[in-house]
Amino acid sequence: MGYSDFTGKFPHSVDAKNRINIPARYRKILAEENICEVVISKGIDSDHIDVFPLPKWIAIREKITASMQLVNRTHRNFLRQITQNAAHCILDSQGRIMLTPGLMDIAGIKPGGSAVIIGMFDFMEIWDPDKLKEHEDNTPLTESDFEKLEQLPLI
């Protein structure tokens, strides 16, 4: 994958056919990287939708399958969580993807309703605005979190 830089927060609406526009800035990045397919899945850490450009999804899949032990129940439960509702989506000519009813239900997003798309550097998240606010209010970064982050070579 090339130089993806999905950053920012964009309010969008979901149309009556469960389609949502990918922000123009993100569509430009995808086009520059010659990517027209994404994979949507349940958010790993909360009830939202993750949107992975196909090359990123393939890289994640390869890492998971290389390290997974199929006889390990935790590994299988994790794999099931991220794959059972996953779907491949092609961006249409207007830059939209179609969300699945199952993922919309998990994320609390309604047809014709509002959603927020957040860039996460090399993937995106789609949230119901109320669930996002609740998540942010209930999971602030704590002093302990920052101490753990200091141990990582991030910056």
N, C-alpha and C. Protein backbone atom coordinates (compact mmCIF):
# COMPACT_ATOMS: atom_id res chain seq x y z
N MET A 1 0.84 -1.18 0.00
CA MET A 1 0.00 0.00 0.00
C MET A 1 0.88 1.23 0.00
N GLY A 2 0.45 2.26 -0.67
CA GLY A 2 1.22 3.49 -0.78
C GLY A 2 1.13 4.33 0.49
N TYR A 3 1.14 5.62 0.31
CA TYR A 3 1.14 6.55 1.42
C TYR A 3 -0.28 6.99 1.74
N SER A 4 -0.96 6.20 2.55
CA SER A 4 -2.32 6.57 2.97
C SER A 4 -2.22 7.55 4.12
N ASP A 5 -3.08 8.53 4.11
CA ASP A 5 -3.13 9.48 5.21
C ASP A 5 -4.58 9.89 5.45
N PHE A 6 -5.35 8.92 5.91
CA PHE A 6 -6.73 9.20 6.26
C PHE A 6 -6.74 9.85 7.64
N THR A 7 -6.98 11.14 7.67
CA THR A 7 -7.08 11.84 8.95
C THR A 7 -8.30 12.75 8.89
N GLY A 8 -8.81 13.09 10.03
CA GLY A 8 -9.95 13.99 10.10
C GLY A 8 -11.23 13.26 10.44
N LYS A 9 -12.26 14.06 10.66
CA LYS A 9 -13.58 13.57 11.07
C LYS A 9 -14.60 14.23 10.15
N PHE A 10 -15.45 13.41 9.52
CA PHE A 10 -16.38 13.91 8.53
C PHE A 10 -17.79 13.41 8.80
N PRO A 11 -18.74 14.32 9.04
CA PRO A 11 -20.14 13.89 9.18
C PRO A 11 -20.71 13.55 7.80
N HIS A 12 -21.44 12.48 7.74
CA HIS A 12 -22.10 12.05 6.50
C HIS A 12 -23.46 11.48 6.85
N SER A 13 -24.26 11.29 5.83
CA SER A 13 -25.53 10.60 6.04
C SER A 13 -25.49 9.30 5.25
N VAL A 14 -26.30 8.37 5.70
CA VAL A 14 -26.47 7.09 5.03
C VAL A 14 -27.79 7.19 4.28
N ASP A 15 -27.78 6.85 2.99
CA ASP A 15 -29.02 6.98 2.24
C ASP A 15 -29.96 5.80 2.53
N ALA A 16 -31.13 5.84 1.95
CA ALA A 16 -32.16 4.81 2.20
C ALA A 16 -31.74 3.44 1.71
N LYS A 17 -30.72 3.38 0.83
CA LYS A 17 -30.23 2.10 0.31
C LYS A 17 -28.97 1.64 1.04
N ASN A 18 -28.69 2.23 2.20
CA ASN A 18 -27.55 1.88 3.06
C ASN A 18 -26.20 2.28 2.48
N ARG A 19 -26.18 3.27 1.60
CA ARG A 19 -24.92 3.72 1.02
C ARG A 19 -24.43 4.96 1.75
N ILE A 20 -23.10 5.05 1.86
CA ILE A 20 -22.47 6.22 2.48
C ILE A 20 -21.33 6.68 1.58
N ASN A 21 -21.20 7.99 1.45
CA ASN A 21 -20.11 8.56 0.66
C ASN A 21 -18.82 8.50 1.46
N ILE A 22 -17.78 8.03 0.81
CA ILE A 22 -16.44 8.14 1.38
C ILE A 22 -16.01 9.59 1.15
N PRO A 23 -15.44 10.27 2.16
CA PRO A 23 -15.04 11.67 1.97
C PRO A 23 -14.15 11.84 0.74
N ALA A 24 -14.34 12.95 0.03
CA ALA A 24 -13.60 13.21 -1.21
C ALA A 24 -12.09 13.12 -1.00
N ARG A 25 -11.62 13.61 0.11
CA ARG A 25 -10.18 13.57 0.41
C ARG A 25 -9.69 12.13 0.48
N TYR A 26 -10.48 11.25 1.07
CA TYR A 26 -10.11 9.84 1.17
C TYR A 26 -10.23 9.15 -0.18
N ARG A 27 -11.25 9.51 -0.95
CA ARG A 27 -11.41 8.93 -2.29
C ARG A 27 -10.20 9.28 -3.16
N LYS A 28 -9.70 10.49 -3.02
CA LYS A 28 -8.53 10.91 -3.78
C LYS A 28 -7.33 10.04 -3.43
N ILE A 29 -7.13 9.79 -2.15
CA ILE A 29 -6.02 8.94 -1.70
C ILE A 29 -6.18 7.54 -2.29
N LEU A 30 -7.39 6.99 -2.19
CA LEU A 30 -7.64 5.65 -2.73
C LEU A 30 -7.37 5.62 -4.24
N ALA A 31 -7.81 6.64 -4.96
CA ALA A 31 -7.60 6.69 -6.41
C ALA A 31 -6.11 6.77 -6.73
N GLU A 32 -5.37 7.59 -5.98
CA GLU A 32 -3.93 7.71 -6.21
C GLU A 32 -3.22 6.38 -5.98
N GLU A 33 -3.76 5.56 -5.09
CA GLU A 33 -3.17 4.25 -4.79
C GLU A 33 -3.82 3.15 -5.61
N ASN A 34 -4.68 3.55 -6.57
CA ASN A 34 -5.36 2.61 -7.46
C ASN A 34 -6.17 1.56 -6.69
N ILE A 35 -6.88 2.01 -5.65
CA ILE A 35 -7.69 1.13 -4.83
C ILE A 35 -9.16 1.49 -5.02
N CYS A 36 -9.96 0.52 -5.43
CA CYS A 36 -11.39 0.77 -5.60
C CYS A 36 -12.23 -0.19 -4.75
N GLU A 37 -11.56 -1.02 -3.96
CA GLU A 37 -12.27 -1.98 -3.12
C GLU A 37 -11.81 -1.84 -1.67
N VAL A 38 -12.78 -1.88 -0.76
CA VAL A 38 -12.50 -1.86 0.67
C VAL A 38 -13.21 -3.05 1.31
N VAL A 39 -12.79 -3.35 2.53
CA VAL A 39 -13.46 -4.38 3.31
C VAL A 39 -13.98 -3.71 4.56
N ILE A 40 -15.27 -3.90 4.83
CA ILE A 40 -15.87 -3.37 6.05
C ILE A 40 -16.06 -4.51 7.04
N SER A 41 -15.85 -4.21 8.32
CA SER A 41 -16.02 -5.23 9.36
C SER A 41 -16.39 -4.55 10.67
N LYS A 42 -16.81 -5.37 11.63
CA LYS A 42 -17.12 -4.84 12.96
C LYS A 42 -15.85 -4.25 13.56
N GLY A 43 -15.98 -3.11 14.19
CA GLY A 43 -14.84 -2.52 14.88
C GLY A 43 -14.27 -3.48 15.91
N ILE A 44 -12.97 -3.54 16.00
CA ILE A 44 -12.33 -4.50 16.89
C ILE A 44 -12.57 -4.16 18.35
N ASP A 45 -12.56 -2.87 18.70
CA ASP A 45 -12.63 -2.51 20.11
C ASP A 45 -13.96 -1.95 20.56
N SER A 46 -14.89 -1.72 19.64
CA SER A 46 -16.19 -1.15 20.03
C SER A 46 -17.18 -1.33 18.89
N ASP A 47 -18.41 -0.86 19.11
CA ASP A 47 -19.48 -1.04 18.14
C ASP A 47 -19.49 0.07 17.09
N HIS A 48 -18.61 -0.06 16.14
CA HIS A 48 -18.54 0.82 14.99
C HIS A 48 -18.16 -0.05 13.79
N ILE A 49 -17.96 0.55 12.63
CA ILE A 49 -17.58 -0.18 11.43
C ILE A 49 -16.17 0.24 11.04
N ASP A 50 -15.28 -0.73 10.88
CA ASP A 50 -13.94 -0.45 10.35
C ASP A 50 -14.00 -0.58 8.83
N VAL A 51 -13.27 0.29 8.15
CA VAL A 51 -13.20 0.28 6.68
C VAL A 51 -11.73 0.19 6.30
N PHE A 52 -11.36 -0.95 5.72
CA PHE A 52 -9.97 -1.19 5.35
C PHE A 52 -9.81 -1.19 3.83
N PRO A 53 -8.92 -0.36 3.27
CA PRO A 53 -8.59 -0.54 1.86
C PRO A 53 -8.14 -1.99 1.67
N LEU A 54 -8.48 -2.59 0.55
CA LEU A 54 -8.20 -4.02 0.35
C LEU A 54 -6.75 -4.40 0.65
N PRO A 55 -5.73 -3.65 0.21
CA PRO A 55 -4.36 -4.06 0.55
C PRO A 55 -4.10 -4.10 2.06
N LYS A 56 -4.69 -3.18 2.82
CA LYS A 56 -4.53 -3.19 4.28
C LYS A 56 -5.20 -4.43 4.87
N TRP A 57 -6.40 -4.77 4.39
CA TRP A 57 -7.12 -5.96 4.86
C TRP A 57 -6.28 -7.21 4.60
N ILE A 58 -5.70 -7.29 3.42
CA ILE A 58 -4.88 -8.46 3.08
C ILE A 58 -3.66 -8.54 4.01
N ALA A 59 -3.02 -7.41 4.29
CA ALA A 59 -1.87 -7.39 5.20
C ALA A 59 -2.27 -7.85 6.60
N ILE A 60 -3.42 -7.38 7.08
CA ILE A 60 -3.92 -7.79 8.40
C ILE A 60 -4.20 -9.29 8.40
N ARG A 61 -4.88 -9.76 7.36
CA ARG A 61 -5.20 -11.18 7.25
C ARG A 61 -3.94 -12.03 7.28
N GLU A 62 -2.91 -11.62 6.57
CA GLU A 62 -1.67 -12.39 6.53
C GLU A 62 -1.00 -12.43 7.89
N LYS A 63 -0.98 -11.30 8.61
CA LYS A 63 -0.38 -11.28 9.95
C LYS A 63 -1.16 -12.18 10.91
N ILE A 64 -2.48 -12.08 10.85
CA ILE A 64 -3.31 -12.89 11.75
C ILE A 64 -3.13 -14.37 11.45
N THR A 65 -3.23 -14.76 10.19
CA THR A 65 -3.14 -16.18 9.87
C THR A 65 -1.75 -16.74 10.14
N ALA A 66 -0.71 -15.91 10.03
CA ALA A 66 0.65 -16.38 10.30
C ALA A 66 0.87 -16.65 11.78
N SER A 67 0.16 -15.94 12.64
CA SER A 67 0.40 -16.09 14.08
C SER A 67 -0.72 -16.83 14.81
N MET A 68 -1.81 -17.13 14.13
CA MET A 68 -2.96 -17.74 14.79
C MET A 68 -2.78 -19.24 14.99
N GLN A 69 -3.24 -19.68 16.12
CA GLN A 69 -3.30 -21.11 16.41
C GLN A 69 -4.77 -21.50 16.40
N LEU A 70 -5.15 -22.32 15.43
CA LEU A 70 -6.56 -22.66 15.27
C LEU A 70 -7.14 -23.41 16.45
N VAL A 71 -6.30 -24.06 17.25
CA VAL A 71 -6.81 -24.77 18.42
C VAL A 71 -6.97 -23.85 19.62
N ASN A 72 -6.53 -22.60 19.49
CA ASN A 72 -6.65 -21.64 20.59
C ASN A 72 -8.02 -20.96 20.48
N ARG A 73 -8.85 -21.17 21.49
CA ARG A 73 -10.22 -20.64 21.47
C ARG A 73 -10.26 -19.12 21.36
N THR A 74 -9.37 -18.42 22.06
CA THR A 74 -9.34 -16.96 22.00
C THR A 74 -9.02 -16.50 20.58
N HIS A 75 -8.06 -17.15 19.95
CA HIS A 75 -7.71 -16.79 18.58
C HIS A 75 -8.90 -16.97 17.65
N ARG A 76 -9.58 -18.09 17.78
CA ARG A 76 -10.72 -18.37 16.91
C ARG A 76 -11.87 -17.39 17.18
N ASN A 77 -12.10 -17.06 18.44
CA ASN A 77 -13.16 -16.09 18.77
C ASN A 77 -12.84 -14.72 18.17
N PHE A 78 -11.58 -14.30 18.26
CA PHE A 78 -11.17 -13.02 17.67
C PHE A 78 -11.37 -13.05 16.16
N LEU A 79 -10.92 -14.12 15.53
CA LEU A 79 -11.07 -14.24 14.08
C LEU A 79 -12.54 -14.21 13.68
N ARG A 80 -13.36 -14.92 14.41
CA ARG A 80 -14.80 -14.94 14.13
C ARG A 80 -15.40 -13.54 14.27
N GLN A 81 -14.97 -12.81 15.30
CA GLN A 81 -15.52 -11.46 15.53
C GLN A 81 -15.25 -10.54 14.35
N ILE A 82 -14.05 -10.62 13.78
CA ILE A 82 -13.74 -9.66 12.71
C ILE A 82 -14.15 -10.15 11.32
N THR A 83 -14.39 -11.45 11.16
CA THR A 83 -14.70 -11.94 9.82
C THR A 83 -16.18 -12.25 9.57
N GLN A 84 -16.93 -12.59 10.60
CA GLN A 84 -18.30 -13.07 10.34
C GLN A 84 -19.21 -12.02 9.72
N ASN A 85 -18.97 -10.77 9.98
CA ASN A 85 -19.79 -9.71 9.40
C ASN A 85 -19.05 -8.89 8.35
N ALA A 86 -17.82 -9.30 8.02
CA ALA A 86 -17.02 -8.56 7.05
C ALA A 86 -17.61 -8.69 5.65
N ALA A 87 -17.42 -7.64 4.86
CA ALA A 87 -17.91 -7.65 3.48
C ALA A 87 -16.99 -6.82 2.60
N HIS A 88 -16.76 -7.31 1.40
CA HIS A 88 -16.01 -6.56 0.40
C HIS A 88 -16.95 -5.57 -0.27
N CYS A 89 -16.49 -4.34 -0.47
CA CYS A 89 -17.30 -3.30 -1.09
C CYS A 89 -16.49 -2.59 -2.17
N ILE A 90 -17.11 -2.42 -3.31
CA ILE A 90 -16.51 -1.65 -4.40
C ILE A 90 -17.07 -0.24 -4.32
N LEU A 91 -16.19 0.76 -4.40
CA LEU A 91 -16.67 2.14 -4.46
C LEU A 91 -17.41 2.34 -5.77
N ASP A 92 -18.62 2.88 -5.69
CA ASP A 92 -19.38 3.13 -6.92
C ASP A 92 -18.87 4.41 -7.59
N SER A 93 -19.46 4.77 -8.71
CA SER A 93 -18.99 5.92 -9.49
C SER A 93 -19.12 7.24 -8.73
N GLN A 94 -19.93 7.27 -7.67
CA GLN A 94 -20.08 8.48 -6.88
C GLN A 94 -19.28 8.42 -5.57
N GLY A 95 -18.44 7.39 -5.42
CA GLY A 95 -17.59 7.29 -4.25
C GLY A 95 -18.29 6.77 -3.02
N ARG A 96 -19.35 5.99 -3.22
CA ARG A 96 -20.10 5.44 -2.09
C ARG A 96 -19.78 3.96 -1.92
N ILE A 97 -19.96 3.50 -0.69
CA ILE A 97 -19.95 2.06 -0.41
C ILE A 97 -21.28 1.70 0.22
N MET A 98 -21.66 0.45 0.06
CA MET A 98 -22.91 -0.01 0.65
C MET A 98 -22.60 -0.74 1.96
N LEU A 99 -23.22 -0.27 3.03
CA LEU A 99 -23.05 -0.91 4.33
C LEU A 99 -24.04 -2.07 4.44
N THR A 100 -23.62 -3.11 5.15
CA THR A 100 -24.51 -4.25 5.31
C THR A 100 -25.47 -4.00 6.48
N PRO A 101 -26.67 -4.56 6.41
CA PRO A 101 -27.61 -4.38 7.52
C PRO A 101 -27.04 -4.88 8.85
N GLY A 102 -26.30 -5.98 8.83
CA GLY A 102 -25.74 -6.52 10.07
C GLY A 102 -24.76 -5.57 10.72
N LEU A 103 -23.85 -5.00 9.92
CA LEU A 103 -22.89 -4.05 10.48
C LEU A 103 -23.57 -2.76 10.91
N MET A 104 -24.57 -2.33 10.15
CA MET A 104 -25.30 -1.12 10.56
C MET A 104 -25.99 -1.34 11.89
N ASP A 105 -26.55 -2.52 12.08
CA ASP A 105 -27.22 -2.84 13.34
C ASP A 105 -26.21 -2.82 14.50
N ILE A 106 -25.05 -3.46 14.30
CA ILE A 106 -24.01 -3.48 15.33
C ILE A 106 -23.59 -2.05 15.70
N ALA A 107 -23.42 -1.20 14.68
CA ALA A 107 -22.94 0.17 14.90
C ALA A 107 -24.05 1.14 15.31
N GLY A 108 -25.30 0.71 15.22
CA GLY A 108 -26.41 1.60 15.57
C GLY A 108 -26.69 2.65 14.51
N ILE A 109 -26.30 2.38 13.27
CA ILE A 109 -26.50 3.32 12.17
C ILE A 109 -27.78 2.93 11.43
N LYS A 110 -28.62 3.92 11.16
CA LYS A 110 -29.91 3.68 10.51
C LYS A 110 -29.90 4.14 9.06
N PRO A 111 -30.63 3.44 8.18
CA PRO A 111 -30.79 3.94 6.81
C PRO A 111 -31.42 5.34 6.86
N GLY A 112 -30.86 6.25 6.11
CA GLY A 112 -31.35 7.63 6.13
C GLY A 112 -30.85 8.42 7.33
N GLY A 113 -30.01 7.81 8.16
CA GLY A 113 -29.52 8.46 9.37
C GLY A 113 -28.15 9.09 9.19
N SER A 114 -27.63 9.57 10.29
CA SER A 114 -26.32 10.23 10.31
C SER A 114 -25.22 9.25 10.66
N ALA A 115 -24.02 9.57 10.21
CA ALA A 115 -22.83 8.79 10.54
C ALA A 115 -21.64 9.74 10.55
N VAL A 116 -20.57 9.30 11.18
CA VAL A 116 -19.33 10.05 11.21
C VAL A 116 -18.23 9.12 10.71
N ILE A 117 -17.43 9.61 9.77
CA ILE A 117 -16.29 8.84 9.27
C ILE A 117 -15.03 9.47 9.83
N ILE A 118 -14.20 8.65 10.45
CA ILE A 118 -12.96 9.11 11.07
C ILE A 118 -11.79 8.42 10.38
N GLY A 119 -10.80 9.21 9.97
CA GLY A 119 -9.59 8.65 9.39
C GLY A 119 -8.65 8.18 10.48
N MET A 120 -8.08 6.99 10.27
CA MET A 120 -7.18 6.37 11.25
C MET A 120 -5.83 6.05 10.58
N PHE A 121 -5.29 7.01 9.84
CA PHE A 121 -4.06 6.92 9.05
C PHE A 121 -4.23 6.00 7.84
N ASP A 122 -4.34 4.67 8.04
CA ASP A 122 -4.39 3.77 6.89
C ASP A 122 -5.68 2.96 6.83
N PHE A 123 -6.66 3.32 7.64
CA PHE A 123 -8.01 2.78 7.54
C PHE A 123 -8.97 3.81 8.08
N MET A 124 -10.27 3.50 8.05
CA MET A 124 -11.29 4.45 8.50
C MET A 124 -12.23 3.75 9.48
N GLU A 125 -12.94 4.56 10.25
CA GLU A 125 -14.01 4.06 11.10
C GLU A 125 -15.29 4.81 10.74
N ILE A 126 -16.42 4.10 10.82
CA ILE A 126 -17.73 4.73 10.64
C ILE A 126 -18.50 4.54 11.94
N TRP A 127 -18.98 5.63 12.49
CA TRP A 127 -19.66 5.62 13.78
C TRP A 127 -21.05 6.24 13.68
N ASP A 128 -21.94 5.78 14.50
CA ASP A 128 -23.15 6.53 14.82
C ASP A 128 -22.69 7.70 15.69
N PRO A 129 -23.10 8.94 15.40
CA PRO A 129 -22.60 10.09 16.17
C PRO A 129 -22.83 9.98 17.68
N ASP A 130 -23.98 9.47 18.11
CA ASP A 130 -24.24 9.35 19.54
C ASP A 130 -23.35 8.30 20.19
N LYS A 131 -23.14 7.17 19.49
CA LYS A 131 -22.24 6.14 20.03
C LYS A 131 -20.80 6.63 20.11
N LEU A 132 -20.39 7.44 19.13
CA LEU A 132 -19.04 7.99 19.17
C LEU A 132 -18.87 8.90 20.37
N LYS A 133 -19.82 9.78 20.61
CA LYS A 133 -19.73 10.68 21.77
C LYS A 133 -19.69 9.88 23.07
N GLU A 134 -20.56 8.89 23.17
CA GLU A 134 -20.59 8.04 24.36
C GLU A 134 -19.25 7.32 24.54
N HIS A 135 -18.70 6.80 23.46
CA HIS A 135 -17.41 6.11 23.53
C HIS A 135 -16.31 7.06 23.99
N GLU A 136 -16.28 8.25 23.41
CA GLU A 136 -15.26 9.23 23.78
C GLU A 136 -15.41 9.67 25.23
N ASP A 137 -16.66 9.84 25.69
CA ASP A 137 -16.90 10.24 27.07
C ASP A 137 -16.51 9.15 28.06
N ASN A 138 -16.72 7.88 27.68
CA ASN A 138 -16.49 6.77 28.60
C ASN A 138 -15.11 6.14 28.51
N THR A 139 -14.32 6.52 27.51
CA THR A 139 -13.00 5.90 27.37
C THR A 139 -11.91 6.94 27.11
N PRO A 140 -11.79 7.93 27.99
CA PRO A 140 -10.72 8.92 27.79
C PRO A 140 -9.35 8.26 28.05
N LEU A 141 -8.32 8.83 27.44
CA LEU A 141 -6.98 8.35 27.74
C LEU A 141 -6.62 8.76 29.17
N THR A 142 -6.15 7.81 29.94
CA THR A 142 -5.82 8.05 31.34
C THR A 142 -4.30 8.20 31.50
N GLU A 143 -3.90 8.59 32.69
CA GLU A 143 -2.47 8.68 33.00
C GLU A 143 -1.79 7.32 32.79
N SER A 144 -2.48 6.27 33.19
CA SER A 144 -1.95 4.92 33.00
C SER A 144 -1.77 4.59 31.51
N ASP A 145 -2.73 5.01 30.69
CA ASP A 145 -2.61 4.81 29.24
C ASP A 145 -1.37 5.51 28.70
N PHE A 146 -1.15 6.76 29.14
CA PHE A 146 0.00 7.50 28.65
C PHE A 146 1.30 6.86 29.12
N GLU A 147 1.31 6.29 30.32
CA GLU A 147 2.50 5.60 30.80
C GLU A 147 2.79 4.38 29.92
N LYS A 148 1.75 3.66 29.51
CA LYS A 148 1.94 2.52 28.61
C LYS A 148 2.44 2.99 27.25
N LEU A 149 1.88 4.11 26.75
CA LEU A 149 2.31 4.63 25.46
C LEU A 149 3.77 5.08 25.48
N GLU A 150 4.22 5.59 26.64
CA GLU A 150 5.62 6.02 26.76
C GLU A 150 6.58 4.86 26.54
N GLN A 151 6.13 3.65 26.80
CA GLN A 151 7.00 2.47 26.65
C GLN A 151 7.14 2.05 25.19
N LEU A 152 6.28 2.58 24.32
CA LEU A 152 6.33 2.23 22.90
C LEU A 152 7.14 3.26 22.12
N PRO A 153 7.86 2.83 21.12
CA PRO A 153 8.62 3.79 20.32
C PRO A 153 7.75 4.47 19.26
N LEU A 154 6.76 5.25 19.72
CA LEU A 154 5.82 5.87 18.80
C LEU A 154 6.38 7.14 18.17
N ILE A 155 6.85 8.03 19.01
CA ILE A 155 7.31 9.34 18.51
C ILE A 155 8.70 9.61 19.02
